[in-house]
Amino acid sequence: MPIEPGDSTRAKEIGQAGGQRSAQARRRLVLEDVERELPRLTSIEAAKARLEKLSDWGAAGLLAGTVLHGAVRAVEVWLRLHDHELDVGRIKLLEARIAELDAERSERPDWRLP
């Protein structure tokens, strides 16, 4: 919307908005920002929220591409470790069940596989 001659209020609003955008473009993230705004990687939902925040920061130019890539990669690695821990838990349950079935089988000598 153009500024009408003599509309100093509108000119001031536009100037302030431009200044705010300029300041935001120069803003740098510091450790306190990251600790406060990025969720800890404690669940899949937290990982999703972290990726969303990182995406927002990257799109806003608050993170360099290499930093953004490294941060996203850290989430990727955490997800793999999380999956690994779930798999280990499942394997332990299966091993326990196999031990139970072996014990049952040894108690019944007449039990045979079909």
PDB file of N, CA and C in Angstrom:
ATOM      1  N   MET A   1       0.854  -1.169   0.000  1.00  0.00           N
ATOM      2  CA  MET A   1       0.000   0.000   0.000  1.00  0.00           C
ATOM      3  C   MET A   1       0.901   1.234   0.000  1.00  0.00           C
ATOM      4  N   PRO A   2       0.711   2.159  -0.965  1.00  0.00           N
ATOM      5  CA  PRO A   2       1.577   3.339  -1.051  1.00  0.00           C
ATOM      6  C   PRO A   2       1.313   4.309   0.101  1.00  0.00           C
ATOM      7  N   ILE A   3       2.297   5.144   0.341  1.00  0.00           N
ATOM      8  CA  ILE A   3       2.184   6.174   1.380  1.00  0.00           C
ATOM      9  C   ILE A   3       1.652   7.442   0.731  1.00  0.00           C
ATOM     10  N   GLU A   4       0.608   7.968   1.317  1.00  0.00           N
ATOM     11  CA  GLU A   4       0.039   9.228   0.828  1.00  0.00           C
ATOM     12  C   GLU A   4       0.925  10.375   1.298  1.00  0.00           C
ATOM     13  N   PRO A   5       1.036  11.438   0.508  1.00  0.00           N
ATOM     14  CA  PRO A   5       1.820  12.601   0.948  1.00  0.00           C
ATOM     15  C   PRO A   5       1.312  13.118   2.301  1.00  0.00           C
ATOM     16  N   GLY A   6       2.231  13.343   3.190  1.00  0.00           N
ATOM     17  CA  GLY A   6       1.895  13.856   4.514  1.00  0.00           C
ATOM     18  C   GLY A   6       1.509  12.772   5.513  1.00  0.00           C
ATOM     19  N   ASP A   7       1.520  11.488   5.126  1.00  0.00           N
ATOM     20  CA  ASP A   7       1.142  10.381   6.024  1.00  0.00           C
ATOM     21  C   ASP A   7       2.376   9.874   6.755  1.00  0.00           C
ATOM     22  N   SER A   8       2.824  10.635   7.720  1.00  0.00           N
ATOM     23  CA  SER A   8       4.043  10.274   8.447  1.00  0.00           C
ATOM     24  C   SER A   8       3.838   9.038   9.323  1.00  0.00           C
ATOM     25  N   THR A   9       2.620   8.792   9.772  1.00  0.00           N
ATOM     26  CA  THR A   9       2.342   7.600  10.589  1.00  0.00           C
ATOM     27  C   THR A   9       2.597   6.337   9.786  1.00  0.00           C
ATOM     28  N   ARG A  10       2.094   6.285   8.559  1.00  0.00           N
ATOM     29  CA  ARG A  10       2.285   5.102   7.695  1.00  0.00           C
ATOM     30  C   ARG A  10       3.760   4.928   7.356  1.00  0.00           C
ATOM     31  N   ALA A  11       4.460   6.024   7.088  1.00  0.00           N
ATOM     32  CA  ALA A  11       5.891   5.953   6.795  1.00  0.00           C
ATOM     33  C   ALA A  11       6.646   5.395   7.993  1.00  0.00           C
ATOM     34  N   LYS A  12       6.250   5.818   9.171  1.00  0.00           N
ATOM     35  CA  LYS A  12       6.903   5.338  10.394  1.00  0.00           C
ATOM     36  C   LYS A  12       6.662   3.837  10.578  1.00  0.00           C
ATOM     37  N   GLU A  13       5.419   3.389  10.316  1.00  0.00           N
ATOM     38  CA  GLU A  13       5.085   1.962  10.433  1.00  0.00           C
ATOM     39  C   GLU A  13       5.928   1.127   9.479  1.00  0.00           C
ATOM     40  N   ILE A  14       6.030   1.588   8.241  1.00  0.00           N
ATOM     41  CA  ILE A  14       6.821   0.867   7.240  1.00  0.00           C
ATOM     42  C   ILE A  14       8.293   0.834   7.641  1.00  0.00           C
ATOM     43  N   GLY A  15       8.797   1.934   8.115  1.00  0.00           N
ATOM     44  CA  GLY A  15      10.188   1.995   8.554  1.00  0.00           C
ATOM     45  C   GLY A  15      10.460   1.055   9.714  1.00  0.00           C
ATOM     46  N   GLN A  16       9.544   0.991  10.677  1.00  0.00           N
ATOM     47  CA  GLN A  16       9.716   0.099  11.817  1.00  0.00           C
ATOM     48  C   GLN A  16       9.657  -1.358  11.379  1.00  0.00           C
ATOM     49  N   ALA A  17       8.722  -1.680  10.488  1.00  0.00           N
ATOM     50  CA  ALA A  17       8.602  -3.053   9.997  1.00  0.00           C
ATOM     51  C   ALA A  17       9.877  -3.474   9.272  1.00  0.00           C
ATOM     52  N   GLY A  18      10.404  -2.576   8.458  1.00  0.00           N
ATOM     53  CA  GLY A  18      11.654  -2.878   7.754  1.00  0.00           C
ATOM     54  C   GLY A  18      12.808  -3.055   8.713  1.00  0.00           C
ATOM     55  N   GLY A  19      12.839  -2.226   9.730  1.00  0.00           N
ATOM     56  CA  GLY A  19      13.885  -2.357  10.743  1.00  0.00           C
ATOM     57  C   GLY A  19      13.791  -3.671  11.501  1.00  0.00           C
ATOM     58  N   GLN A  20      12.570  -4.093  11.778  1.00  0.00           N
ATOM     59  CA  GLN A  20      12.379  -5.358  12.473  1.00  0.00           C
ATOM     60  C   GLN A  20      12.839  -6.526  11.609  1.00  0.00           C
ATOM     61  N   ARG A  21      12.506  -6.476  10.321  1.00  0.00           N
ATOM     62  CA  ARG A  21      12.954  -7.545   9.416  1.00  0.00           C
ATOM     63  C   ARG A  21      14.470  -7.555   9.309  1.00  0.00           C
ATOM     64  N   SER A  22      15.061  -6.383   9.247  1.00  0.00           N
ATOM     65  CA  SER A  22      16.512  -6.288   9.151  1.00  0.00           C
ATOM     66  C   SER A  22      17.174  -6.841  10.412  1.00  0.00           C
ATOM     67  N   ALA A  23      16.617  -6.500  11.554  1.00  0.00           N
ATOM     68  CA  ALA A  23      17.174  -7.001  12.819  1.00  0.00           C
ATOM     69  C   ALA A  23      17.020  -8.510  12.908  1.00  0.00           C
ATOM     70  N   GLN A  24      15.888  -9.025  12.454  1.00  0.00           N
ATOM     71  CA  GLN A  24      15.665 -10.464  12.502  1.00  0.00           C
ATOM     72  C   GLN A  24      16.649 -11.185  11.579  1.00  0.00           C
ATOM     73  N   ALA A  25      16.940 -10.601  10.436  1.00  0.00           N
ATOM     74  CA  ALA A  25      17.878 -11.216   9.504  1.00  0.00           C
ATOM     75  C   ALA A  25      19.282 -11.269  10.092  1.00  0.00           C
ATOM     76  N   ARG A  26      19.624 -10.308  10.945  1.00  0.00           N
ATOM     77  CA  ARG A  26      20.953 -10.283  11.571  1.00  0.00           C
ATOM     78  C   ARG A  26      21.008 -11.093  12.859  1.00  0.00           C
ATOM     79  N   ARG A  27      19.837 -11.527  13.344  1.00  0.00           N
ATOM     80  CA  ARG A  27      19.789 -12.255  14.616  1.00  0.00           C
ATOM     81  C   ARG A  27      20.605 -13.537  14.528  1.00  0.00           C
ATOM     82  N   ARG A  28      21.296 -13.829  15.600  1.00  0.00           N
ATOM     83  CA  ARG A  28      22.061 -15.072  15.678  1.00  0.00           C
ATOM     84  C   ARG A  28      21.519 -15.892  16.826  1.00  0.00           C
ATOM     85  N   LEU A  29      21.454 -17.181  16.616  1.00  0.00           N
ATOM     86  CA  LEU A  29      21.027 -18.071  17.684  1.00  0.00           C
ATOM     87  C   LEU A  29      22.198 -18.279  18.636  1.00  0.00           C
ATOM     88  N   VAL A  30      21.893 -18.288  19.907  1.00  0.00           N
ATOM     89  CA  VAL A  30      22.907 -18.588  20.913  1.00  0.00           C
ATOM     90  C   VAL A  30      22.471 -19.845  21.655  1.00  0.00           C
ATOM     91  N   LEU A  31      23.371 -20.395  22.443  1.00  0.00           N
ATOM     92  CA  LEU A  31      23.107 -21.645  23.140  1.00  0.00           C
ATOM     93  C   LEU A  31      21.820 -21.580  23.967  1.00  0.00           C
ATOM     94  N   GLU A  32      21.581 -20.465  24.609  1.00  0.00           N
ATOM     95  CA  GLU A  32      20.373 -20.336  25.427  1.00  0.00           C
ATOM     96  C   GLU A  32      19.109 -20.466  24.576  1.00  0.00           C
ATOM     97  N   ASP A  33      19.132 -19.899  23.357  1.00  0.00           N
ATOM     98  CA  ASP A  33      17.992 -20.047  22.438  1.00  0.00           C
ATOM     99  C   ASP A  33      17.754 -21.517  22.118  1.00  0.00           C
ATOM    100  N   VAL A  34      18.826 -22.190  21.787  1.00  0.00           N
ATOM    101  CA  VAL A  34      18.732 -23.598  21.399  1.00  0.00           C
ATOM    102  C   VAL A  34      18.217 -24.435  22.572  1.00  0.00           C
ATOM    103  N   GLU A  35      18.796 -24.241  23.744  1.00  0.00           N
ATOM    104  CA  GLU A  35      18.358 -25.010  24.919  1.00  0.00           C
ATOM    105  C   GLU A  35      16.901 -24.735  25.270  1.00  0.00           C
ATOM    106  N   ARG A  36      16.471 -23.512  25.096  1.00  0.00           N
ATOM    107  CA  ARG A  36      15.110 -23.128  25.464  1.00  0.00           C
ATOM    108  C   ARG A  36      14.086 -23.596  24.419  1.00  0.00           C
ATOM    109  N   GLU A  37      14.438 -23.505  23.140  1.00  0.00           N
ATOM    110  CA  GLU A  37      13.450 -23.704  22.092  1.00  0.00           C
ATOM    111  C   GLU A  37      13.465 -25.075  21.415  1.00  0.00           C
ATOM    112  N   LEU A  38      14.606 -25.764  21.455  1.00  0.00           N
ATOM    113  CA  LEU A  38      14.647 -27.083  20.823  1.00  0.00           C
ATOM    114  C   LEU A  38      14.343 -28.158  21.862  1.00  0.00           C
ATOM    115  N   PRO A  39      13.358 -29.003  21.584  1.00  0.00           N
ATOM    116  CA  PRO A  39      13.058 -30.068  22.547  1.00  0.00           C
ATOM    117  C   PRO A  39      14.193 -31.081  22.608  1.00  0.00           C
ATOM    118  N   ARG A  40      14.406 -31.633  23.796  1.00  0.00           N
ATOM    119  CA  ARG A  40      15.404 -32.692  23.958  1.00  0.00           C
ATOM    120  C   ARG A  40      14.924 -33.916  23.192  1.00  0.00           C
ATOM    121  N   LEU A  41      15.836 -34.714  22.741  1.00  0.00           N
ATOM    122  CA  LEU A  41      15.476 -35.920  21.998  1.00  0.00           C
ATOM    123  C   LEU A  41      15.162 -37.043  22.983  1.00  0.00           C
ATOM    124  N   THR A  42      13.919 -37.060  23.419  1.00  0.00           N
ATOM    125  CA  THR A  42      13.481 -38.050  24.398  1.00  0.00           C
ATOM    126  C   THR A  42      12.367 -38.936  23.866  1.00  0.00           C
ATOM    127  N   SER A  43      11.815 -38.595  22.706  1.00  0.00           N
ATOM    128  CA  SER A  43      10.723 -39.375  22.115  1.00  0.00           C
ATOM    129  C   SER A  43      10.648 -39.062  20.623  1.00  0.00           C
ATOM    130  N   ILE A  44       9.874 -39.878  19.930  1.00  0.00           N
ATOM    131  CA  ILE A  44       9.661 -39.644  18.500  1.00  0.00           C
ATOM    132  C   ILE A  44       8.981 -38.289  18.289  1.00  0.00           C
ATOM    133  N   GLU A  45       8.022 -37.961  19.157  1.00  0.00           N
ATOM    134  CA  GLU A  45       7.315 -36.687  19.034  1.00  0.00           C
ATOM    135  C   GLU A  45       8.281 -35.510  19.220  1.00  0.00           C
ATOM    136  N   ALA A  46       9.201 -35.647  20.174  1.00  0.00           N
ATOM    137  CA  ALA A  46      10.194 -34.588  20.397  1.00  0.00           C
ATOM    138  C   ALA A  46      11.104 -34.450  19.179  1.00  0.00           C
ATOM    139  N   ALA A  47      11.456 -35.576  18.564  1.00  0.00           N
ATOM    140  CA  ALA A  47      12.296 -35.537  17.357  1.00  0.00           C
ATOM    141  C   ALA A  47      11.567 -34.808  16.225  1.00  0.00           C
ATOM    142  N   LYS A  48      10.270 -35.089  16.080  1.00  0.00           N
ATOM    143  CA  LYS A  48       9.473 -34.397  15.056  1.00  0.00           C
ATOM    144  C   LYS A  48       9.426 -32.892  15.334  1.00  0.00           C
ATOM    145  N   ALA A  49       9.192 -32.538  16.593  1.00  0.00           N
ATOM    146  CA  ALA A  49       9.120 -31.116  16.955  1.00  0.00           C
ATOM    147  C   ALA A  49      10.456 -30.425  16.716  1.00  0.00           C
ATOM    148  N   ARG A  50      11.552 -31.131  17.011  1.00  0.00           N
ATOM    149  CA  ARG A  50      12.879 -30.563  16.793  1.00  0.00           C
ATOM    150  C   ARG A  50      13.112 -30.322  15.308  1.00  0.00           C
ATOM    151  N   LEU A  51      12.764 -31.295  14.489  1.00  0.00           N
ATOM    152  CA  LEU A  51      12.939 -31.133  13.047  1.00  0.00           C
ATOM    153  C   LEU A  51      12.110 -29.969  12.516  1.00  0.00           C
ATOM    154  N   GLU A  52      10.908 -29.819  13.033  1.00  0.00           N
ATOM    155  CA  GLU A  52      10.058 -28.703  12.598  1.00  0.00           C
ATOM    156  C   GLU A  52      10.693 -27.359  12.963  1.00  0.00           C
ATOM    157  N   LYS A  53      11.202 -27.254  14.184  1.00  0.00           N
ATOM    158  CA  LYS A  53      11.839 -25.999  14.621  1.00  0.00           C
ATOM    159  C   LYS A  53      13.098 -25.739  13.793  1.00  0.00           C
ATOM    160  N   LEU A  54      13.900 -26.772  13.553  1.00  0.00           N
ATOM    161  CA  LEU A  54      15.101 -26.604  12.738  1.00  0.00           C
ATOM    162  C   LEU A  54      14.740 -26.148  11.327  1.00  0.00           C
ATOM    163  N   SER A  55      13.684 -26.723  10.782  1.00  0.00           N
ATOM    164  CA  SER A  55      13.226 -26.328   9.451  1.00  0.00           C
ATOM    165  C   SER A  55      12.829 -24.854   9.430  1.00  0.00           C
ATOM    166  N   ASP A  56      12.100 -24.426  10.456  1.00  0.00           N
ATOM    167  CA  ASP A  56      11.697 -23.017  10.548  1.00  0.00           C
ATOM    168  C   ASP A  56      12.921 -22.111  10.627  1.00  0.00           C
ATOM    169  N   TRP A  57      13.867 -22.474  11.472  1.00  0.00           N
ATOM    170  CA  TRP A  57      15.080 -21.663  11.631  1.00  0.00           C
ATOM    171  C   TRP A  57      15.874 -21.619  10.331  1.00  0.00           C
ATOM    172  N   GLY A  58      15.967 -22.762   9.656  1.00  0.00           N
ATOM    173  CA  GLY A  58      16.693 -22.795   8.387  1.00  0.00           C
ATOM    174  C   GLY A  58      16.029 -21.919   7.341  1.00  0.00           C
ATOM    175  N   ALA A  59      14.700 -22.005   7.246  1.00  0.00           N
ATOM    176  CA  ALA A  59      13.965 -21.203   6.262  1.00  0.00           C
ATOM    177  C   ALA A  59      14.070 -19.707   6.567  1.00  0.00           C
ATOM    178  N   ALA A  60      14.189 -19.379   7.847  1.00  0.00           N
ATOM    179  CA  ALA A  60      14.305 -17.974   8.244  1.00  0.00           C
ATOM    180  C   ALA A  60      15.731 -17.464   8.112  1.00  0.00           C
ATOM    181  N   GLY A  61      16.660 -18.334   7.748  1.00  0.00           N
ATOM    182  CA  GLY A  61      18.053 -17.920   7.590  1.00  0.00           C
ATOM    183  C   GLY A  61      18.800 -17.782   8.901  1.00  0.00           C
ATOM    184  N   LEU A  62      18.269 -18.368   9.969  1.00  0.00           N
ATOM    185  CA  LEU A  62      18.946 -18.272  11.267  1.00  0.00           C
ATOM    186  C   LEU A  62      20.039 -19.322  11.434  1.00  0.00           C
ATOM    187  N   LEU A  63      20.057 -20.301  10.543  1.00  0.00           N
ATOM    188  CA  LEU A  63      21.090 -21.342  10.585  1.00  0.00           C
ATOM    189  C   LEU A  63      21.750 -21.449   9.222  1.00  0.00           C
ATOM    190  N   ALA A  64      23.055 -21.584   9.225  1.00  0.00           N
ATOM    191  CA  ALA A  64      23.775 -21.850   7.980  1.00  0.00           C
ATOM    192  C   ALA A  64      23.405 -23.252   7.516  1.00  0.00           C
ATOM    193  N   GLY A  65      23.465 -23.482   6.233  1.00  0.00           N
ATOM    194  CA  GLY A  65      23.111 -24.790   5.681  1.00  0.00           C
ATOM    195  C   GLY A  65      23.883 -25.940   6.307  1.00  0.00           C
ATOM    196  N   THR A  66      25.174 -25.746   6.538  1.00  0.00           N
ATOM    197  CA  THR A  66      25.984 -26.822   7.121  1.00  0.00           C
ATOM    198  C   THR A  66      25.557 -27.106   8.553  1.00  0.00           C
ATOM    199  N   VAL A  67      25.211 -26.062   9.289  1.00  0.00           N
ATOM    200  CA  VAL A  67      24.755 -26.247  10.672  1.00  0.00           C
ATOM    201  C   VAL A  67      23.406 -26.949  10.674  1.00  0.00           C
ATOM    202  N   LEU A  68      22.525 -26.521   9.794  1.00  0.00           N
ATOM    203  CA  LEU A  68      21.205 -27.144   9.694  1.00  0.00           C
ATOM    204  C   LEU A  68      21.340 -28.617   9.329  1.00  0.00           C
ATOM    205  N   HIS A  69      22.192 -28.910   8.366  1.00  0.00           N
ATOM    206  CA  HIS A  69      22.408 -30.298   7.954  1.00  0.00           C
ATOM    207  C   HIS A  69      22.926 -31.131   9.127  1.00  0.00           C
ATOM    208  N   GLY A  70      23.878 -30.607   9.872  1.00  0.00           N
ATOM    209  CA  GLY A  70      24.417 -31.335  11.019  1.00  0.00           C
ATOM    210  C   GLY A  70      23.370 -31.576  12.089  1.00  0.00           C
ATOM    211  N   ALA A  71      22.521 -30.585  12.329  1.00  0.00           N
ATOM    212  CA  ALA A  71      21.482 -30.724  13.353  1.00  0.00           C
ATOM    213  C   ALA A  71      20.434 -31.758  12.922  1.00  0.00           C
ATOM    214  N   VAL A  72      20.071 -31.740  11.645  1.00  0.00           N
ATOM    215  CA  VAL A  72      19.110 -32.720  11.141  1.00  0.00           C
ATOM    216  C   VAL A  72      19.729 -34.116  11.176  1.00  0.00           C
ATOM    217  N   ARG A  73      20.985 -34.208  10.851  1.00  0.00           N
ATOM    218  CA  ARG A  73      21.693 -35.503  10.889  1.00  0.00           C
ATOM    219  C   ARG A  73      21.723 -36.058  12.312  1.00  0.00           C
ATOM    220  N   ALA A  74      21.883 -35.195  13.308  1.00  0.00           N
ATOM    221  CA  ALA A  74      21.885 -35.641  14.700  1.00  0.00           C
ATOM    222  C   ALA A  74      20.535 -36.265  15.066  1.00  0.00           C
ATOM    223  N   VAL A  75      19.454 -35.691  14.571  1.00  0.00           N
ATOM    224  CA  VAL A  75      18.121 -36.259  14.824  1.00  0.00           C
ATOM    225  C   VAL A  75      18.012 -37.618  14.131  1.00  0.00           C
ATOM    226  N   GLU A  76      18.517 -37.696  12.912  1.00  0.00           N
ATOM    227  CA  GLU A  76      18.500 -38.953  12.167  1.00  0.00           C
ATOM    228  C   GLU A  76      19.233 -40.057  12.923  1.00  0.00           C
ATOM    229  N   VAL A  77      20.412 -39.749  13.439  1.00  0.00           N
ATOM    230  CA  VAL A  77      21.200 -40.725  14.190  1.00  0.00           C
ATOM    231  C   VAL A  77      20.457 -41.121  15.463  1.00  0.00           C
ATOM    232  N   TRP A  78      19.843 -40.152  16.146  1.00  0.00           N
ATOM    233  CA  TRP A  78      19.092 -40.465  17.365  1.00  0.00           C
ATOM    234  C   TRP A  78      17.949 -41.423  17.045  1.00  0.00           C
ATOM    235  N   LEU A  79      17.248 -41.179  15.932  1.00  0.00           N
ATOM    236  CA  LEU A  79      16.141 -42.059  15.546  1.00  0.00           C
ATOM    237  C   LEU A  79      16.628 -43.476  15.280  1.00  0.00           C
ATOM    238  N   ARG A  80      17.769 -43.615  14.658  1.00  0.00           N
ATOM    239  CA  ARG A  80      18.334 -44.955  14.422  1.00  0.00           C
ATOM    240  C   ARG A  80      18.677 -45.642  15.737  1.00  0.00           C
ATOM    241  N   LEU A  81      19.278 -44.905  16.652  1.00  0.00           N
ATOM    242  CA  LEU A  81      19.596 -45.480  17.956  1.00  0.00           C
ATOM    243  C   LEU A  81      18.323 -45.872  18.703  1.00  0.00           C
ATOM    244  N   HIS A  82      17.306 -45.033  18.611  1.00  0.00           N
ATOM    245  CA  HIS A  82      16.023 -45.329  19.247  1.00  0.00           C
ATOM    246  C   HIS A  82      15.443 -46.627  18.682  1.00  0.00           C
ATOM    247  N   ASP A  83      15.453 -46.762  17.359  1.00  0.00           N
ATOM    248  CA  ASP A  83      14.972 -47.990  16.724  1.00  0.00           C
ATOM    249  C   ASP A  83      15.785 -49.197  17.166  1.00  0.00           C
ATOM    250  N   HIS A  84      17.091 -49.024  17.269  1.00  0.00           N
ATOM    251  CA  HIS A  84      17.967 -50.115  17.705  1.00  0.00           C
ATOM    252  C   HIS A  84      17.595 -50.565  19.119  1.00  0.00           C
ATOM    253  N   GLU A  85      17.372 -49.602  20.009  1.00  0.00           N
ATOM    254  CA  GLU A  85      16.995 -49.947  21.379  1.00  0.00           C
ATOM    255  C   GLU A  85      15.661 -50.693  21.404  1.00  0.00           C
ATOM    256  N   LEU A  86      14.710 -50.280  20.575  1.00  0.00           N
ATOM    257  CA  LEU A  86      13.437 -51.002  20.495  1.00  0.00           C
ATOM    258  C   LEU A  86      13.657 -52.428  19.994  1.00  0.00           C
ATOM    259  N   ASP A  87      14.499 -52.579  18.978  1.00  0.00           N
ATOM    260  CA  ASP A  87      14.784 -53.910  18.442  1.00  0.00           C
ATOM    261  C   ASP A  87      15.449 -54.797  19.490  1.00  0.00           C
ATOM    262  N   VAL A  88      16.386 -54.268  20.232  1.00  0.00           N
ATOM    263  CA  VAL A  88      17.056 -55.040  21.280  1.00  0.00           C
ATOM    264  C   VAL A  88      16.037 -55.497  22.321  1.00  0.00           C
ATOM    265  N   GLY A  89      15.125 -54.610  22.685  1.00  0.00           N
ATOM    266  CA  GLY A  89      14.074 -54.977  23.636  1.00  0.00           C
ATOM    267  C   GLY A  89      13.196 -56.100  23.108  1.00  0.00           C
ATOM    268  N   ARG A  90      12.825 -56.011  21.837  1.00  0.00           N
ATOM    269  CA  ARG A  90      12.005 -57.072  21.228  1.00  0.00           C
ATOM    270  C   ARG A  90      12.749 -58.396  21.185  1.00  0.00           C
ATOM    271  N   ILE A  91      14.023 -58.355  20.845  1.00  0.00           N
ATOM    272  CA  ILE A  91      14.826 -59.580  20.786  1.00  0.00           C
ATOM    273  C   ILE A  91      14.915 -60.224  22.166  1.00  0.00           C
ATOM    274  N   LYS A  92      15.101 -59.408  23.204  1.00  0.00           N
ATOM    275  CA  LYS A  92      15.160 -59.962  24.564  1.00  0.00           C
ATOM    276  C   LYS A  92      13.840 -60.629  24.944  1.00  0.00           C
ATOM    277  N   LEU A  93      12.714 -60.015  24.563  1.00  0.00           N
ATOM    278  CA  LEU A  93      11.404 -60.640  24.831  1.00  0.00           C
ATOM    279  C   LEU A  93      11.269 -61.969  24.098  1.00  0.00           C
ATOM    280  N   LEU A  94      11.697 -61.990  22.842  1.00  0.00           N
ATOM    281  CA  LEU A  94      11.632 -63.231  22.069  1.00  0.00           C
ATOM    282  C   LEU A  94      12.535 -64.312  22.662  1.00  0.00           C
ATOM    283  N   GLU A  95      13.725 -63.926  23.090  1.00  0.00           N
ATOM    284  CA  GLU A  95      14.633 -64.893  23.713  1.00  0.00           C
ATOM    285  C   GLU A  95      14.029 -65.460  24.992  1.00  0.00           C
ATOM    286  N   ALA A  96      13.391 -64.604  25.780  1.00  0.00           N
ATOM    287  CA  ALA A  96      12.750 -65.073  27.014  1.00  0.00           C
ATOM    288  C   ALA A  96      11.620 -66.047  26.685  1.00  0.00           C
ATOM    289  N   ARG A  97      10.843 -65.734  25.647  1.00  0.00           N
ATOM    290  CA  ARG A  97       9.741 -66.619  25.260  1.00  0.00           C
ATOM    291  C   ARG A  97      10.267 -67.955  24.758  1.00  0.00           C
ATOM    292  N   ILE A  98      11.338 -67.943  24.010  1.00  0.00           N
ATOM    293  CA  ILE A  98      11.945 -69.183  23.523  1.00  0.00           C
ATOM    294  C   ILE A  98      12.431 -70.018  24.706  1.00  0.00           C
ATOM    295  N   ALA A  99      13.028 -69.369  25.697  1.00  0.00           N
ATOM    296  CA  ALA A  99      13.486 -70.094  26.890  1.00  0.00           C
ATOM    297  C   ALA A  99      12.296 -70.727  27.616  1.00  0.00           C
ATOM    298  N   GLU A 100      11.180 -70.010  27.705  1.00  0.00           N
ATOM    299  CA  GLU A 100       9.969 -70.567  28.329  1.00  0.00           C
ATOM    300  C   GLU A 100       9.481 -71.797  27.568  1.00  0.00           C
ATOM    301  N   LEU A 101       9.439 -71.694  26.246  1.00  0.00           N
ATOM    302  CA  LEU A 101       8.973 -72.813  25.433  1.00  0.00           C
ATOM    303  C   LEU A 101       9.923 -74.002  25.535  1.00  0.00           C
ATOM    304  N   ASP A 102      11.222 -73.739  25.593  1.00  0.00           N
ATOM    305  CA  ASP A 102      12.200 -74.818  25.767  1.00  0.00           C
ATOM    306  C   ASP A 102      11.994 -75.518  27.104  1.00  0.00           C
ATOM    307  N   ALA A 103      11.718 -74.722  28.145  1.00  0.00           N
ATOM    308  CA  ALA A 103      11.482 -75.309  29.467  1.00  0.00           C
ATOM    309  C   ALA A 103      10.221 -76.170  29.444  1.00  0.00           C
ATOM    310  N   GLU A 104       9.169 -75.694  28.802  1.00  0.00           N
ATOM    311  CA  GLU A 104       7.937 -76.482  28.682  1.00  0.00           C
ATOM    312  C   GLU A 104       8.189 -77.773  27.915  1.00  0.00           C
ATOM    313  N   ARG A 105       8.948 -77.664  26.848  1.00  0.00           N
ATOM    314  CA  ARG A 105       9.241 -78.848  26.025  1.00  0.00           C
ATOM    315  C   ARG A 105      10.049 -79.869  26.808  1.00  0.00           C
ATOM    316  N   SER A 106      11.007 -79.405  27.608  1.00  0.00           N
ATOM    317  CA  SER A 106      11.832 -80.340  28.366  1.00  0.00           C
ATOM    318  C   SER A 106      11.037 -81.022  29.476  1.00  0.00           C
ATOM    319  N   GLU A 107       9.956 -80.381  29.936  1.00  0.00           N
ATOM    320  CA  GLU A 107       9.087 -80.990  30.952  1.00  0.00           C
ATOM    321  C   GLU A 107       8.180 -82.050  30.340  1.00  0.00           C
ATOM    322  N   ARG A 108       8.004 -82.006  29.014  1.00  0.00           N
ATOM    323  CA  ARG A 108       7.127 -82.961  28.323  1.00  0.00           C
ATOM    324  C   ARG A 108       7.950 -83.711  27.276  1.00  0.00           C
ATOM    325  N   PRO A 109       8.565 -84.805  27.658  1.00  0.00           N
ATOM    326  CA  PRO A 109       9.433 -85.546  26.719  1.00  0.00           C
ATOM    327  C   PRO A 109       8.675 -86.109  25.526  1.00  0.00           C
ATOM    328  N   ASP A 110       7.359 -86.270  25.633  1.00  0.00           N
ATOM    329  CA  ASP A 110       6.586 -86.836  24.524  1.00  0.00           C
ATOM    330  C   ASP A 110       6.229 -85.763  23.466  1.00  0.00           C
ATOM    331  N   TRP A 111       6.591 -84.510  23.733  1.00  0.00           N
ATOM    332  CA  TRP A 111       6.265 -83.413  22.801  1.00  0.00           C
ATOM    333  C   TRP A 111       7.180 -83.494  21.595  1.00  0.00           C
ATOM    334  N   ARG A 112       6.624 -83.426  20.437  1.00  0.00           N
ATOM    335  CA  ARG A 112       7.410 -83.503  19.198  1.00  0.00           C
ATOM    336  C   ARG A 112       6.934 -82.417  18.224  1.00  0.00           C
ATOM    337  N   LEU A 113       7.853 -82.015  17.388  1.00  0.00           N
ATOM    338  CA  LEU A 113       7.495 -81.099  16.302  1.00  0.00           C
ATOM    339  C   LEU A 113       6.701 -81.874  15.261  1.00  0.00           C
ATOM    340  N   PRO A 114       5.728 -81.260  14.615  1.00  0.00           N
ATOM    341  CA  PRO A 114       4.965 -81.971  13.560  1.00  0.00           C
ATOM    342  C   PRO A 114       5.839 -82.296  12.371  1.00  0.00           C
TER     343      PRO A 114
END
